[in-house]
C-alpha atoms as a PDB file:
ATOM      1  CA  MET A   1      45.545  72.917  92.067  1.00  0.00           C
ATOM      2  CA  PRO A   2      46.303  71.413  88.692  1.00  0.00           C
ATOM      3  CA  GLY A   3      47.619  68.258  87.538  1.00  0.00           C
ATOM      4  CA  SER A   4      50.162  67.692  84.700  1.00  0.00           C
ATOM      5  CA  THR A   5      49.097  69.148  81.188  1.00  0.00           C
ATOM      6  CA  ASP A   6      51.509  67.566  79.616  1.00  0.00           C
ATOM      7  CA  TRP A   7      50.584  64.221  77.986  1.00  0.00           C
ATOM      8  CA  THR A   8      52.339  61.199  79.807  1.00  0.00           C
ATOM      9  CA  LYS A   9      52.855  57.493  80.895  1.00  0.00           C
ATOM     10  CA  GLY A  10      51.755  58.177  84.028  1.00  0.00           C
ATOM     11  CA  TRP A  11      53.865  59.289  87.426  1.00  0.00           C
ATOM     12  CA  GLY A  12      55.797  56.341  87.650  1.00  0.00           C
ATOM     13  CA  HIS A  13      55.178  55.399  83.872  1.00  0.00           C
ATOM     14  CA  GLU A  14      52.004  53.036  84.606  1.00  0.00           C
ATOM     15  CA  TYR A  15      50.129  53.126  81.778  1.00  0.00           C
ATOM     16  CA  ASP A  16      54.014  51.745  79.938  1.00  0.00           C
ATOM     17  CA  LEU A  17      53.013  48.460  81.968  1.00  0.00           C
ATOM     18  CA  VAL A  18      49.186  48.329  81.839  1.00  0.00           C
ATOM     19  CA  GLU A  19      49.271  49.153  77.840  1.00  0.00           C
ATOM     20  CA  GLN A  20      51.775  45.813  77.556  1.00  0.00           C
ATOM     21  CA  VAL A  21      49.587  44.042  79.212  1.00  0.00           C
ATOM     22  CA  LEU A  22      46.739  45.018  77.394  1.00  0.00           C
ATOM     23  CA  ASN A  23      48.839  44.339  73.751  1.00  0.00           C
ATOM     24  CA  SER A  24      49.842  40.647  74.808  1.00  0.00           C
ATOM     25  CA  ALA A  25      46.645  39.728  76.336  1.00  0.00           C
ATOM     26  CA  THR A  26      44.443  37.153  74.864  1.00  0.00           C
ATOM     27  CA  PRO A  27      41.019  37.706  73.338  1.00  0.00           C
ATOM     28  CA  ALA A  28      39.633  35.726  76.466  1.00  0.00           C
ATOM     29  CA  GLN A  29      41.904  37.517  78.758  1.00  0.00           C
ATOM     30  CA  HIS A  30      40.123  40.741  77.284  1.00  0.00           C
ATOM     31  CA  GLN A  31      36.821  39.478  77.444  1.00  0.00           C
ATOM     32  CA  ARG A  32      37.334  38.623  81.451  1.00  0.00           C
ATOM     33  CA  PHE A  33      38.374  41.414  82.294  1.00  0.00           C
ATOM     34  CA  ILE A  34      35.011  42.992  80.020  1.00  0.00           C
ATOM     35  CA  ASP A  35      32.641  40.883  81.925  1.00  0.00           C
ATOM     36  CA  GLY A  36      34.248  41.930  85.883  1.00  0.00           C
ATOM     37  CA  VAL A  37      33.372  45.220  84.888  1.00  0.00           C
ATOM     38  CA  ARG A  38      30.235  45.000  82.883  1.00  0.00           C
ATOM     39  CA  ALA A  39      28.498  41.522  84.637  1.00  0.00           C
ATOM     40  CA  ARG A  40      30.358  41.448  88.084  1.00  0.00           C
ATOM     41  CA  GLY A  41      30.452  45.442  88.610  1.00  0.00           C
ATOM     42  CA  GLU A  42      33.966  44.686  89.798  1.00  0.00           C
ATOM     43  CA  GLY A  43      36.113  47.981  89.813  1.00  0.00           C
ATOM     44  CA  LEU A  44      39.041  48.811  87.673  1.00  0.00           C
ATOM     45  CA  MET A  45      42.002  47.768  89.440  1.00  0.00           C
ATOM     46  CA  GLU A  46      40.106  44.078  90.699  1.00  0.00           C
ATOM     47  CA  ALA A  47      39.123  43.692  87.250  1.00  0.00           C
ATOM     48  CA  HIS A  48      42.332  44.050  85.754  1.00  0.00           C
ATOM     49  CA  ALA A  49      44.278  41.971  88.563  1.00  0.00           C
ATOM     50  CA  ALA A  50      41.569  39.085  87.820  1.00  0.00           C
ATOM     51  CA  ALA A  51      42.099  39.159  83.971  1.00  0.00           C
ATOM     52  CA  TYR A  52      45.626  40.503  83.451  1.00  0.00           C
ATOM     53  CA  PHE A  53      48.001  39.055  86.606  1.00  0.00           C
ATOM     54  CA  ASP A  54      46.104  36.000  87.607  1.00  0.00           C
ATOM     55  CA  GLY A  55      44.502  38.041  90.733  1.00  0.00           C
ATOM     56  CA  TRP A  56      47.200  39.522  92.211  1.00  0.00           C
ATOM     57  CA  THR A  57      48.084  43.415  91.438  1.00  0.00           C
ATOM     58  CA  ALA A  58      51.378  44.114  89.540  1.00  0.00           C
ATOM     59  CA  PRO A  59      53.643  45.651  92.119  1.00  0.00           C
ATOM     60  CA  ALA A  60      54.008  48.490  89.644  1.00  0.00           C
ATOM     61  CA  LEU A  61      50.271  49.481  89.970  1.00  0.00           C
ATOM     62  CA  ARG A  62      50.237  48.786  93.863  1.00  0.00           C
ATOM     63  CA  ASP A  63      50.070  52.681  94.463  1.00  0.00           C
ATOM     64  CA  VAL A  64      47.564  53.356  92.035  1.00  0.00           C
ATOM     65  CA  GLU A  65      44.957  50.928  93.351  1.00  0.00           C
ATOM     66  CA  GLN A  66      45.467  52.592  96.924  1.00  0.00           C
ATOM     67  CA  THR A  67      45.403  56.116  96.373  1.00  0.00           C
ATOM     68  CA  TRP A  68      44.674  56.567  92.557  1.00  0.00           C
ATOM     69  CA  PHE A  69      41.154  54.768  92.806  1.00  0.00           C
ATOM     70  CA  GLY A  70      40.856  55.264  96.875  1.00  0.00           C
ATOM     71  CA  ILE A  71      40.693  51.187  97.668  1.00  0.00           C
ATOM     72  CA  ASN A  72      42.145  51.719 100.727  1.00  0.00           C
ATOM     73  CA  GLY A  73      41.627  55.137 101.568  1.00  0.00           C
ATOM     74  CA  ASP A  74      40.400  58.463 100.192  1.00  0.00           C
ATOM     75  CA  PRO A  75      40.694  58.941  95.996  1.00  0.00           C
ATOM     76  CA  MET A  76      43.451  61.131  95.306  1.00  0.00           C
ATOM     77  CA  TRP A  77      41.583  63.344  92.707  1.00  0.00           C
ATOM     78  CA  VAL A  78      41.123  66.531  94.793  1.00  0.00           C
ATOM     79  CA  TRP A  79      41.509  69.138  92.101  1.00  0.00           C
ATOM     80  CA  ASP A  80      38.897  71.090  90.542  1.00  0.00           C
ATOM     81  CA  SER A  81      36.831  68.369  88.579  1.00  0.00           C
ATOM     82  CA  SER A  82      32.675  68.818  88.432  1.00  0.00           C
ATOM     83  CA  LEU A  83      32.909  64.666  88.311  1.00  0.00           C
ATOM     84  CA  THR A  84      33.257  63.058  91.657  1.00  0.00           C
ATOM     85  CA  PRO A  85      35.955  60.386  92.163  1.00  0.00           C
ATOM     86  CA  ALA A  86      33.367  57.655  91.299  1.00  0.00           C
ATOM     87  CA  GLN A  87      32.304  59.066  88.396  1.00  0.00           C
ATOM     88  CA  ILE A  88      35.728  59.360  87.017  1.00  0.00           C
ATOM     89  CA  HIS A  89      36.308  55.627  87.871  1.00  0.00           C
ATOM     90  CA  GLU A  90      33.138  54.852  85.569  1.00  0.00           C
ATOM     91  CA  VAL A  91      34.697  56.648  82.665  1.00  0.00           C
ATOM     92  CA  MET A  92      37.859  54.731  83.674  1.00  0.00           C
ATOM     93  CA  LYS A  93      36.307  51.731  83.354  1.00  0.00           C
ATOM     94  CA  GLU A  94      34.239  52.224  80.555  1.00  0.00           C
ATOM     95  CA  THR A  95      36.743  53.582  78.740  1.00  0.00           C
ATOM     96  CA  ARG A  96      38.567  50.341  79.085  1.00  0.00           C
ATOM     97  CA  ALA A  97      36.119  47.736  79.122  1.00  0.00           C
ATOM     98  CA  ARG A  98      35.788  49.306  75.029  1.00  0.00           C
ATOM     99  CA  THR A  99      39.110  49.520  74.639  1.00  0.00           C
ATOM    100  CA  ALA A 100      39.263  45.549  75.557  1.00  0.00           C
ATOM    101  CA  GLU A 101      36.258  45.412  73.156  1.00  0.00           C
ATOM    102  CA  LEU A 102      37.864  46.508  70.459  1.00  0.00           C
ATOM    103  CA  LEU A 103      41.074  44.420  70.710  1.00  0.00           C
ATOM    104  CA  VAL A 104      39.177  40.946  71.077  1.00  0.00           C
ATOM    105  CA  GLN A 105      37.197  42.455  67.680  1.00  0.00           C
ATOM    106  CA  HIS A 106      41.166  43.416  66.604  1.00  0.00           C
ATOM    107  CA  PRO A 107      43.777  40.829  68.028  1.00  0.00           C
ATOM    108  CA  ASP A 108      46.275  42.450  65.646  1.00  0.00           C
ATOM    109  CA  TRP A 109      46.194  46.137  66.975  1.00  0.00           C
ATOM    110  CA  LYS A 110      48.543  47.842  69.229  1.00  0.00           C
ATOM    111  CA  ILE A 111      47.228  50.461  71.506  1.00  0.00           C
ATOM    112  CA  GLU A 112      48.988  52.815  73.235  1.00  0.00           C
ATOM    113  CA  LEU A 113      47.826  54.810  76.352  1.00  0.00           C
ATOM    114  CA  TRP A 114      48.631  58.156  77.152  1.00  0.00           C
ATOM    115  CA  VAL A 115      47.575  60.675  80.620  1.00  0.00           C
ATOM    116  CA  LYS A 116      47.021  64.042  80.210  1.00  0.00           C
ATOM    117  CA  CYS A 117      45.667  65.278  83.788  1.00  0.00           C
ATOM    118  CA  GLY A 118      44.462  69.088  85.056  1.00  0.00           C
ATOM    119  CA  HIS A 119      41.347  68.906  82.598  1.00  0.00           C
ATOM    120  CA  ALA A 120      37.917  70.578  84.910  1.00  0.00           C
ATOM    121  CA  ARG A 121      35.908  68.070  82.952  1.00  0.00           C
ATOM    122  CA  PHE A 122      37.661  64.219  83.220  1.00  0.00           C
ATOM    123  CA  ARG A 123      37.058  62.692  80.171  1.00  0.00           C
ATOM    124  CA  THR A 124      38.814  59.808  77.673  1.00  0.00           C
ATOM    125  CA  THR A 125      39.267  59.299  74.379  1.00  0.00           C
ATOM    126  CA  ILE A 126      39.909  56.346  72.342  1.00  0.00           C
ATOM    127  CA  THR A 127      40.935  56.710  68.800  1.00  0.00           C
ATOM    128  CA  TRP A 128      41.693  54.225  66.087  1.00  0.00           C
ATOM    129  CA  PRO A 129      42.745  53.563  62.324  1.00  0.00           C
ATOM    130  CA  SER A 130      40.320  54.581  59.899  1.00  0.00           C
ATOM    131  CA  THR A 131      39.036  51.837  57.790  1.00  0.00           C
ATOM    132  CA  ALA A 132      38.492  54.314  54.791  1.00  0.00           C
ATOM    133  CA  SER A 133      41.540  55.744  55.116  1.00  0.00           C
ATOM    134  CA  SER A 134      45.399  54.904  56.482  1.00  0.00           C
ATOM    135  CA  THR A 135      46.045  58.694  57.277  1.00  0.00           C
ATOM    136  CA  GLY A 136      42.478  59.209  59.424  1.00  0.00           C
ATOM    137  CA  SER A 137      41.012  58.029  62.127  1.00  0.00           C
ATOM    138  CA  SER A 138      37.866  57.014  63.960  1.00  0.00           C
ATOM    139  CA  ARG A 139      37.254  58.415  67.881  1.00  0.00           C
ATOM    140  CA  LEU A 140      34.962  57.398  70.728  1.00  0.00           C
ATOM    141  CA  THR A 141      35.037  59.977  73.569  1.00  0.00           C
ATOM    142  CA  GLY A 142      33.278  59.662  76.483  1.00  0.00           C
END
């Protein structure tokens, strides 16, 4: 059963909240997230809560924490993915950590997060304005 093939902000617009949080966070909060993922091996939602929400999960993200990432049960990723839920989680953690690094390096940048499900090979893409041209973009794909 394929997922949505449209670009969205999540089923409950969760990515609107995450986008707002990342755009308003301080470099120290971003660094705390990066350290949580990379140095302490925290899960995505655990590191996110510690860095950006004073150790608690925002109510709008609790369903995501409990179902998508399988914190309190089986992950809901059951479609025809070639990656396991654990591998998907690792890709998400690393992509979010890289995004946080870019925001530490460029605190004036504002990000947008979009989700598009239904691909057999889970992947994430980070794009940003090119320094060579105002119309181009650079891209990091995982």
